[in-house]
C-alpha atoms as a PDB file:
ATOM      1  CA  UNK A   1     -29.724 -58.635 -26.123  1.00  0.00           C
ATOM      2  CA  UNK A   2     -29.379 -59.401 -22.196  1.00  0.00           C
ATOM      3  CA  UNK A   3     -26.780 -62.149 -22.561  1.00  0.00           C
ATOM      4  CA  UNK A   4     -24.508 -59.751 -24.473  1.00  0.00           C
ATOM      5  CA  UNK A   5     -24.742 -57.295 -21.831  1.00  0.00           C
ATOM      6  CA  UNK A   6     -24.188 -59.627 -18.986  1.00  0.00           C
ATOM      7  CA  UNK A   7     -21.187 -61.000 -21.186  1.00  0.00           C
ATOM      8  CA  UNK A   8     -19.399 -57.478 -20.218  1.00  0.00           C
ATOM      9  CA  UNK A   9     -19.717 -58.002 -16.776  1.00  0.00           C
ATOM     10  CA  UNK A  10     -20.469 -55.704 -13.938  1.00  0.00           C
ATOM     11  CA  UNK A  11     -16.960 -54.348 -14.105  1.00  0.00           C
ATOM     12  CA  UNK A  12     -17.315 -52.775 -17.322  1.00  0.00           C
ATOM     13  CA  UNK A  13     -20.878 -51.784 -16.498  1.00  0.00           C
ATOM     14  CA  UNK A  14     -19.404 -49.972 -13.740  1.00  0.00           C
ATOM     15  CA  UNK A  15     -16.739 -48.146 -15.493  1.00  0.00           C
ATOM     16  CA  UNK A  16     -19.234 -47.021 -18.463  1.00  0.00           C
ATOM     17  CA  UNK A  17     -21.463 -45.294 -15.169  1.00  0.00           C
ATOM     18  CA  UNK A  18     -18.674 -43.713 -13.880  1.00  0.00           C
ATOM     19  CA  UNK A  19     -17.657 -42.316 -17.105  1.00  0.00           C
ATOM     20  CA  UNK A  20     -21.155 -40.883 -17.706  1.00  0.00           C
ATOM     21  CA  UNK A  21     -21.253 -39.653 -14.268  1.00  0.00           C
ATOM     22  CA  UNK A  22     -17.596 -37.697 -14.776  1.00  0.00           C
ATOM     23  CA  UNK A  23     -19.099 -36.503 -18.062  1.00  0.00           C
ATOM     24  CA  UNK A  24     -22.195 -35.006 -16.729  1.00  0.00           C
ATOM     25  CA  UNK A  25     -19.965 -33.541 -13.681  1.00  0.00           C
ATOM     26  CA  UNK A  26     -17.571 -32.025 -16.520  1.00  0.00           C
ATOM     27  CA  UNK A  27     -20.400 -30.627 -18.537  1.00  0.00           C
ATOM     28  CA  UNK A  28     -22.498 -29.158 -15.504  1.00  0.00           C
ATOM     29  CA  UNK A  29     -18.869 -27.121 -14.379  1.00  0.00           C
ATOM     30  CA  UNK A  30     -17.984 -25.662 -17.763  1.00  0.00           C
ATOM     31  CA  UNK A  31     -21.442 -24.203 -18.226  1.00  0.00           C
ATOM     32  CA  UNK A  32     -22.112 -22.851 -14.646  1.00  0.00           C
ATOM     33  CA  UNK A  33     -20.998 -19.252 -13.977  1.00  0.00           C
ATOM     34  CA  UNK A  34     -20.797 -18.909 -10.295  1.00  0.00           C
ATOM     35  CA  UNK A  35     -17.297 -20.633 -10.289  1.00  0.00           C
ATOM     36  CA  UNK A  36     -14.408 -19.745 -12.077  1.00  0.00           C
ATOM     37  CA  UNK A  37     -12.576 -22.741 -10.658  1.00  0.00           C
ATOM     38  CA  UNK A  38     -14.698 -25.035 -11.657  1.00  0.00           C
ATOM     39  CA  UNK A  39     -15.128 -23.334 -15.497  1.00  0.00           C
ATOM     40  CA  UNK A  40     -11.780 -23.382 -15.737  1.00  0.00           C
ATOM     41  CA  UNK A  41     -10.559 -26.933 -13.971  1.00  0.00           C
ATOM     42  CA  UNK A  42     -13.656 -29.006 -14.612  1.00  0.00           C
ATOM     43  CA  UNK A  43     -13.924 -31.899 -12.147  1.00  0.00           C
ATOM     44  CA  UNK A  44     -10.172 -31.320 -10.793  1.00  0.00           C
ATOM     45  CA  UNK A  45     -11.360 -27.961  -9.740  1.00  0.00           C
ATOM     46  CA  UNK A  46     -13.761 -29.857  -7.233  1.00  0.00           C
ATOM     47  CA  UNK A  47     -10.761 -31.365  -5.453  1.00  0.00           C
ATOM     48  CA  UNK A  48     -10.112 -27.679  -4.230  1.00  0.00           C
ATOM     49  CA  UNK A  49     -12.987 -27.405  -2.269  1.00  0.00           C
ATOM     50  CA  UNK A  50     -12.645 -31.099  -0.813  1.00  0.00           C
ATOM     51  CA  UNK A  51      -9.009 -29.917   0.760  1.00  0.00           C
ATOM     52  CA  UNK A  52      -9.771 -26.784   1.586  1.00  0.00           C
ATOM     53  CA  UNK A  53     -12.523 -28.260   4.189  1.00  0.00           C
ATOM     54  CA  UNK A  54      -9.875 -30.782   4.999  1.00  0.00           C
ATOM     55  CA  UNK A  55      -7.438 -28.411   5.261  1.00  0.00           C
ATOM     56  CA  UNK A  56      -8.778 -26.785   8.959  1.00  0.00           C
ATOM     57  CA  UNK A  57      -7.799 -30.255  10.253  1.00  0.00           C
ATOM     58  CA  UNK A  58      -3.990 -30.760   8.655  1.00  0.00           C
ATOM     59  CA  UNK A  59      -3.382 -26.831   9.791  1.00  0.00           C
ATOM     60  CA  UNK A  60      -4.420 -27.842  13.323  1.00  0.00           C
ATOM     61  CA  UNK A  61      -1.611 -30.448  13.420  1.00  0.00           C
ATOM     62  CA  UNK A  62       0.515 -30.035  10.881  1.00  0.00           C
ATOM     63  CA  UNK A  63       0.614 -26.865   8.999  1.00  0.00           C
ATOM     64  CA  UNK A  64       0.315 -23.146   9.468  1.00  0.00           C
ATOM     65  CA  UNK A  65      -2.335 -21.054  11.418  1.00  0.00           C
ATOM     66  CA  UNK A  66      -4.809 -19.194   9.061  1.00  0.00           C
ATOM     67  CA  UNK A  67      -3.053 -15.923  10.084  1.00  0.00           C
ATOM     68  CA  UNK A  68       1.080 -17.064   9.891  1.00  0.00           C
ATOM     69  CA  UNK A  69       1.189 -17.080   5.959  1.00  0.00           C
ATOM     70  CA  UNK A  70       2.295 -13.762   4.473  1.00  0.00           C
ATOM     71  CA  UNK A  71       1.631 -11.835   2.812  1.00  0.00           C
ATOM     72  CA  UNK A  72      -1.702 -12.242   2.648  1.00  0.00           C
ATOM     73  CA  UNK A  73      -3.095 -14.575   5.324  1.00  0.00           C
ATOM     74  CA  UNK A  74      -5.971 -17.125   4.893  1.00  0.00           C
ATOM     75  CA  UNK A  75      -8.287 -15.199   6.716  1.00  0.00           C
ATOM     76  CA  UNK A  76      -7.520 -11.771   5.064  1.00  0.00           C
ATOM     77  CA  UNK A  77      -8.226 -14.422   1.741  1.00  0.00           C
ATOM     78  CA  UNK A  78     -10.913 -15.952   2.653  1.00  0.00           C
ATOM     79  CA  UNK A  79     -12.522 -12.274   3.690  1.00  0.00           C
ATOM     80  CA  UNK A  80     -11.677 -10.931   0.253  1.00  0.00           C
ATOM     81  CA  UNK A  81     -13.224 -14.118  -1.582  1.00  0.00           C
ATOM     82  CA  UNK A  82     -16.211 -13.664   0.191  1.00  0.00           C
ATOM     83  CA  UNK A  83     -16.175  -9.832  -0.594  1.00  0.00           C
ATOM     84  CA  UNK A  84     -15.994 -10.961  -3.986  1.00  0.00           C
ATOM     85  CA  UNK A  85     -18.482 -12.980  -4.140  1.00  0.00           C
ATOM     86  CA  UNK A  86     -20.933 -10.590  -2.577  1.00  0.00           C
ATOM     87  CA  UNK A  87     -21.534 -12.973   0.147  1.00  0.00           C
ATOM     88  CA  UNK A  88     -20.824 -10.407   2.779  1.00  0.00           C
ATOM     89  CA  UNK A  89     -17.446  -9.592   4.497  1.00  0.00           C
ATOM     90  CA  UNK A  90     -18.817  -8.738   7.779  1.00  0.00           C
ATOM     91  CA  UNK A  91     -17.188 -11.476  10.481  1.00  0.00           C
ATOM     92  CA  UNK A  92     -18.709 -11.919  14.182  1.00  0.00           C
ATOM     93  CA  UNK A  93     -18.081 -13.710  17.240  1.00  0.00           C
ATOM     94  CA  UNK A  94     -14.392 -13.319  18.367  1.00  0.00           C
ATOM     95  CA  UNK A  95     -11.321 -13.268  16.099  1.00  0.00           C
ATOM     96  CA  UNK A  96      -8.362 -15.714  15.000  1.00  0.00           C
ATOM     97  CA  UNK A  97      -5.505 -12.686  15.393  1.00  0.00           C
ATOM     98  CA  UNK A  98      -3.959 -13.458  18.174  1.00  0.00           C
ATOM     99  CA  UNK A  99      -4.821  -9.938  20.990  1.00  0.00           C
ATOM    100  CA  UNK A 100      -2.491 -11.026  23.508  1.00  0.00           C
ATOM    101  CA  UNK A 101       0.763 -10.556  21.513  1.00  0.00           C
ATOM    102  CA  UNK A 102       2.781  -7.961  22.916  1.00  0.00           C
ATOM    103  CA  UNK A 103       2.438  -4.801  20.556  1.00  0.00           C
ATOM    104  CA  UNK A 104      -1.226  -5.834  19.090  1.00  0.00           C
ATOM    105  CA  UNK A 105      -3.793  -3.465  18.657  1.00  0.00           C
ATOM    106  CA  UNK A 106      -6.913  -3.687  20.282  1.00  0.00           C
ATOM    107  CA  UNK A 107     -10.187  -1.285  19.758  1.00  0.00           C
ATOM    108  CA  UNK A 108     -12.733  -1.581  22.919  1.00  0.00           C
ATOM    109  CA  UNK A 109     -16.523  -1.037  22.037  1.00  0.00           C
ATOM    110  CA  UNK A 110     -17.466   1.315  25.399  1.00  0.00           C
ATOM    111  CA  UNK A 111     -20.785   1.824  25.582  1.00  0.00           C
ATOM    112  CA  UNK A 112     -20.166   4.262  28.693  1.00  0.00           C
ATOM    113  CA  UNK A 113     -16.636   5.780  27.408  1.00  0.00           C
ATOM    114  CA  UNK A 114     -14.841   7.690  30.159  1.00  0.00           C
ATOM    115  CA  UNK A 115     -14.701  11.771  30.723  1.00  0.00           C
ATOM    116  CA  UNK A 116     -11.818  13.604  28.927  1.00  0.00           C
ATOM    117  CA  UNK A 117     -10.460  13.919  32.505  1.00  0.00           C
ATOM    118  CA  UNK A 118     -10.284  10.200  33.369  1.00  0.00           C
ATOM    119  CA  UNK A 119      -8.608   9.270  29.529  1.00  0.00           C
ATOM    120  CA  UNK A 120      -5.422   7.965  29.832  1.00  0.00           C
ATOM    121  CA  UNK A 121      -2.881   9.727  26.990  1.00  0.00           C
ATOM    122  CA  UNK A 122      -2.184   7.515  24.165  1.00  0.00           C
ATOM    123  CA  UNK A 123       1.522   6.386  24.403  1.00  0.00           C
ATOM    124  CA  UNK A 124       3.986   8.419  21.117  1.00  0.00           C
ATOM    125  CA  UNK A 125       5.675   6.673  18.806  1.00  0.00           C
ATOM    126  CA  UNK A 126       8.980   7.733  17.545  1.00  0.00           C
ATOM    127  CA  UNK A 127       9.653   7.072  14.405  1.00  0.00           C
ATOM    128  CA  UNK A 128      13.759   7.010  13.019  1.00  0.00           C
ATOM    129  CA  UNK A 129      14.563   7.262  16.621  1.00  0.00           C
ATOM    130  CA  UNK A 130      18.318   5.922  16.397  1.00  0.00           C
ATOM    131  CA  UNK A 131      18.244   6.644  12.688  1.00  0.00           C
ATOM    132  CA  UNK A 132      18.386  10.292  12.329  1.00  0.00           C
ATOM    133  CA  UNK A 133      18.747  13.608  14.073  1.00  0.00           C
ATOM    134  CA  UNK A 134      14.904  14.356  14.430  1.00  0.00           C
ATOM    135  CA  UNK A 135      12.991  11.242  14.656  1.00  0.00           C
ATOM    136  CA  UNK A 136       9.250  11.794  13.914  1.00  0.00           C
ATOM    137  CA  UNK A 137       6.537  12.197  17.184  1.00  0.00           C
ATOM    138  CA  UNK A 138       3.327  10.103  15.998  1.00  0.00           C
ATOM    139  CA  UNK A 139       0.807  10.825  18.640  1.00  0.00           C
ATOM    140  CA  UNK A 140      -2.248   9.027  17.397  1.00  0.00           C
ATOM    141  CA  UNK A 141      -2.288   5.273  15.881  1.00  0.00           C
ATOM    142  CA  UNK A 142      -5.204   6.422  13.949  1.00  0.00           C
ATOM    143  CA  UNK A 143      -4.539   8.887  11.567  1.00  0.00           C
ATOM    144  CA  UNK A 144      -6.264  10.413   8.073  1.00  0.00           C
ATOM    145  CA  UNK A 145      -5.267   8.335   5.269  1.00  0.00           C
ATOM    146  CA  UNK A 146      -3.289   9.416   1.707  1.00  0.00           C
ATOM    147  CA  UNK A 147      -6.165  11.176  -0.905  1.00  0.00           C
ATOM    148  CA  UNK A 148      -4.837  12.489  -3.341  1.00  0.00           C
ATOM    149  CA  UNK A 149      -5.594  16.406  -3.913  1.00  0.00           C
ATOM    150  CA  UNK A 150      -6.607  16.141  -7.739  1.00  0.00           C
ATOM    151  CA  UNK A 151      -9.087  13.387  -6.479  1.00  0.00           C
ATOM    152  CA  UNK A 152     -10.873  15.819  -3.684  1.00  0.00           C
ATOM    153  CA  UNK A 153     -11.458  19.649  -3.295  1.00  0.00           C
ATOM    154  CA  UNK A 154      -9.730  22.022  -1.554  1.00  0.00           C
ATOM    155  CA  UNK A 155     -12.740  22.014   1.709  1.00  0.00           C
ATOM    156  CA  UNK A 156     -12.221  18.729   1.738  1.00  0.00           C
ATOM    157  CA  UNK A 157      -8.237  18.920   2.487  1.00  0.00           C
ATOM    158  CA  UNK A 158      -8.644  22.607   4.283  1.00  0.00           C
ATOM    159  CA  UNK A 159     -11.317  20.585   6.708  1.00  0.00           C
ATOM    160  CA  UNK A 160      -9.188  16.901   6.874  1.00  0.00           C
ATOM    161  CA  UNK A 161      -5.885  19.203   8.435  1.00  0.00           C
ATOM    162  CA  UNK A 162      -7.838  21.285  10.551  1.00  0.00           C
ATOM    163  CA  UNK A 163      -9.205  17.665  12.425  1.00  0.00           C
ATOM    164  CA  UNK A 164      -6.370  15.740  12.164  1.00  0.00           C
ATOM    165  CA  UNK A 165      -4.574  19.168  14.057  1.00  0.00           C
ATOM    166  CA  UNK A 166      -7.516  19.182  16.303  1.00  0.00           C
ATOM    167  CA  UNK A 167      -7.255  15.178  16.855  1.00  0.00           C
ATOM    168  CA  UNK A 168      -3.301  15.376  17.288  1.00  0.00           C
ATOM    169  CA  UNK A 169      -3.215  12.826  14.531  1.00  0.00           C
ATOM    170  CA  UNK A 170      -0.794  12.968  11.136  1.00  0.00           C
ATOM    171  CA  UNK A 171      -2.153  13.399   7.446  1.00  0.00           C
ATOM    172  CA  UNK A 172      -0.869  11.928   4.534  1.00  0.00           C
ATOM    173  CA  UNK A 173      -0.722  13.865   1.366  1.00  0.00           C
ATOM    174  CA  UNK A 174      -1.333  11.415  -1.097  1.00  0.00           C
ATOM    175  CA  UNK A 175      -0.067  10.934  -4.458  1.00  0.00           C
ATOM    176  CA  UNK A 176      -1.119  14.350  -5.820  1.00  0.00           C
ATOM    177  CA  UNK A 177       1.521  15.892  -3.562  1.00  0.00           C
ATOM    178  CA  UNK A 178       1.511  19.008  -0.904  1.00  0.00           C
ATOM    179  CA  UNK A 179      -0.733  21.826  -1.415  1.00  0.00           C
ATOM    180  CA  UNK A 180      -1.000  25.221   0.522  1.00  0.00           C
ATOM    181  CA  UNK A 181      -4.465  23.688   1.792  1.00  0.00           C
ATOM    182  CA  UNK A 182      -2.698  20.750   3.728  1.00  0.00           C
ATOM    183  CA  UNK A 183      -0.492  23.034   5.554  1.00  0.00           C
ATOM    184  CA  UNK A 184      -3.479  25.196   6.283  1.00  0.00           C
ATOM    185  CA  UNK A 185      -4.931  23.173   9.286  1.00  0.00           C
ATOM    186  CA  UNK A 186      -1.744  23.021  10.981  1.00  0.00           C
ATOM    187  CA  UNK A 187      -1.447  19.196  11.573  1.00  0.00           C
ATOM    188  CA  UNK A 188       1.139  17.081  11.128  1.00  0.00           C
ATOM    189  CA  UNK A 189       2.066  16.461   7.602  1.00  0.00           C
ATOM    190  CA  UNK A 190       3.294  12.975   5.857  1.00  0.00           C
ATOM    191  CA  UNK A 191       4.239  13.530   2.070  1.00  0.00           C
ATOM    192  CA  UNK A 192       3.404  10.936  -0.157  1.00  0.00           C
ATOM    193  CA  UNK A 193       6.105  10.294  -2.725  1.00  0.00           C
ATOM    194  CA  UNK A 194       7.186   7.674  -5.018  1.00  0.00           C
ATOM    195  CA  UNK A 195       4.078   6.024  -5.962  1.00  0.00           C
ATOM    196  CA  UNK A 196       2.873   7.697  -8.574  1.00  0.00           C
ATOM    197  CA  UNK A 197       3.261   7.161 -12.320  1.00  0.00           C
END
């Protein structure tokens, strides 16, 4: 019996051991519930995680950075993946976003905000300048995003409109279209069209 086993050779025994290990990994991958890549592509899917770890070093010398890809860069995709797996989306201690780039938006957290009379005015942004007779002057970089009137109540739209007027920003109507409540506050209104079914 021992003589028969030894006659196969060490290489054959090693091949059987590797095959058994691969079979174990295959069964483990298709039965686990945490990673859909491993479930759909058993064994081979593990290469993805290996190359993902090596990717940082390859990108550093050969390829694009974490924020160079479009429309969704690696940093954004990584954040979405972490949120989808309930691993949290809070990232601290710096940014991979180039804050020195001209035109980069920076929100500075001030423990001691300046007084109103010491505040510098926000520079306006003219939309459509050179392309139309009356370009739109956006006075704020923070505005009220589109919320459909069908999704929120009339008092909510009134409140948002009045708040936007006080803040000096514009309000997007959302897919529900323009209502009289959007106009009550006297803020600038951007009417959203074309995205509804």
